């Protein structure tokens, strides 16, 4: 149990900033992908209306 907890604590304290940066990066990529998909849907719907 102890051998499992110690590396986890080191990872948490040392990699906290990196982890948050990684999460923000993933979030930005997800938002970007969603925007692209929404844009494609809007373009397709406007093209079919024309």
C-alpha atoms as a PDB file:
ATOM      1  CA  UNK A   1       0.000   0.000   0.000  1.00  0.00           C
ATOM      2  CA  UNK A   2       2.748   2.450   0.988  1.00  0.00           C
ATOM      3  CA  UNK A   3       4.865   1.696  -2.081  1.00  0.00           C
ATOM      4  CA  UNK A   4       1.839   2.535  -4.238  1.00  0.00           C
ATOM      5  CA  UNK A   5       0.992   5.796  -2.447  1.00  0.00           C
ATOM      6  CA  UNK A   6       4.458   7.381  -2.447  1.00  0.00           C
ATOM      7  CA  UNK A   7       5.019   7.518  -6.251  1.00  0.00           C
ATOM      8  CA  UNK A   8       1.423   8.686  -6.688  1.00  0.00           C
ATOM      9  CA  UNK A   9       2.055  11.610  -4.319  1.00  0.00           C
ATOM     10  CA  UNK A  10       5.286  12.496  -6.129  1.00  0.00           C
ATOM     11  CA  UNK A  11       3.470  12.417  -9.467  1.00  0.00           C
ATOM     12  CA  UNK A  12       0.646  14.554  -8.076  1.00  0.00           C
ATOM     13  CA  UNK A  13       2.862  17.251  -6.554  1.00  0.00           C
ATOM     14  CA  UNK A  14       5.505  17.286  -9.299  1.00  0.00           C
ATOM     15  CA  UNK A  15       3.270  16.898 -12.325  1.00  0.00           C
ATOM     16  CA  UNK A  16       0.355  19.041 -11.205  1.00  0.00           C
ATOM     17  CA  UNK A  17       1.206  21.985 -13.458  1.00  0.00           C
ATOM     18  CA  UNK A  18       2.019  19.739 -16.395  1.00  0.00           C
ATOM     19  CA  UNK A  19      -1.219  17.831 -15.902  1.00  0.00           C
ATOM     20  CA  UNK A  20      -3.303  21.009 -15.843  1.00  0.00           C
ATOM     21  CA  UNK A  21      -1.547  22.267 -18.987  1.00  0.00           C
ATOM     22  CA  UNK A  22      -2.208  18.901 -20.642  1.00  0.00           C
ATOM     23  CA  UNK A  23      -5.887  19.045 -19.650  1.00  0.00           C
ATOM     24  CA  UNK A  24      -6.226  22.602 -20.980  1.00  0.00           C
ATOM     25  CA  UNK A  25      -4.587  21.512 -24.228  1.00  0.00           C
ATOM     26  CA  UNK A  26      -6.974  18.578 -24.615  1.00  0.00           C
ATOM     27  CA  UNK A  27      -9.926  20.840 -23.821  1.00  0.00           C
ATOM     28  CA  UNK A  28      -8.835  23.382 -26.445  1.00  0.00           C
ATOM     29  CA  UNK A  29      -8.419  20.618 -29.035  1.00  0.00           C
ATOM     30  CA  UNK A  30     -11.895  19.263 -28.210  1.00  0.00           C
ATOM     31  CA  UNK A  31     -13.466  22.727 -28.523  1.00  0.00           C
ATOM     32  CA  UNK A  32     -11.624  23.259 -31.819  1.00  0.00           C
ATOM     33  CA  UNK A  33     -12.870  19.911 -33.199  1.00  0.00           C
ATOM     34  CA  UNK A  34     -16.428  20.712 -32.079  1.00  0.00           C
ATOM     35  CA  UNK A  35     -16.252  24.124 -33.764  1.00  0.00           C
ATOM     36  CA  UNK A  36     -15.018  22.538 -37.005  1.00  0.00           C
ATOM     37  CA  UNK A  37     -17.845  19.972 -36.910  1.00  0.00           C
ATOM     38  CA  UNK A  38     -20.448  22.654 -36.206  1.00  0.00           C
ATOM     39  CA  UNK A  39     -19.041  24.775 -39.026  1.00  0.00           C
ATOM     40  CA  UNK A  40     -19.219  21.861 -41.452  1.00  0.00           C
ATOM     41  CA  UNK A  41     -22.825  21.145 -40.450  1.00  0.00           C
ATOM     42  CA  UNK A  42     -23.757  24.824 -40.907  1.00  0.00           C
ATOM     43  CA  UNK A  43     -22.061  24.966 -44.317  1.00  0.00           C
ATOM     44  CA  UNK A  44     -23.818  21.785 -45.454  1.00  0.00           C
ATOM     45  CA  UNK A  45     -27.229  22.990 -44.281  1.00  0.00           C
ATOM     46  CA  UNK A  46     -26.759  26.389 -45.960  1.00  0.00           C
ATOM     47  CA  UNK A  47     -25.623  24.700 -49.183  1.00  0.00           C
ATOM     48  CA  UNK A  48     -28.674  22.442 -49.219  1.00  0.00           C
ATOM     49  CA  UNK A  49     -30.911  25.482 -48.687  1.00  0.00           C
ATOM     50  CA  UNK A  50     -29.362  27.199 -51.717  1.00  0.00           C
END
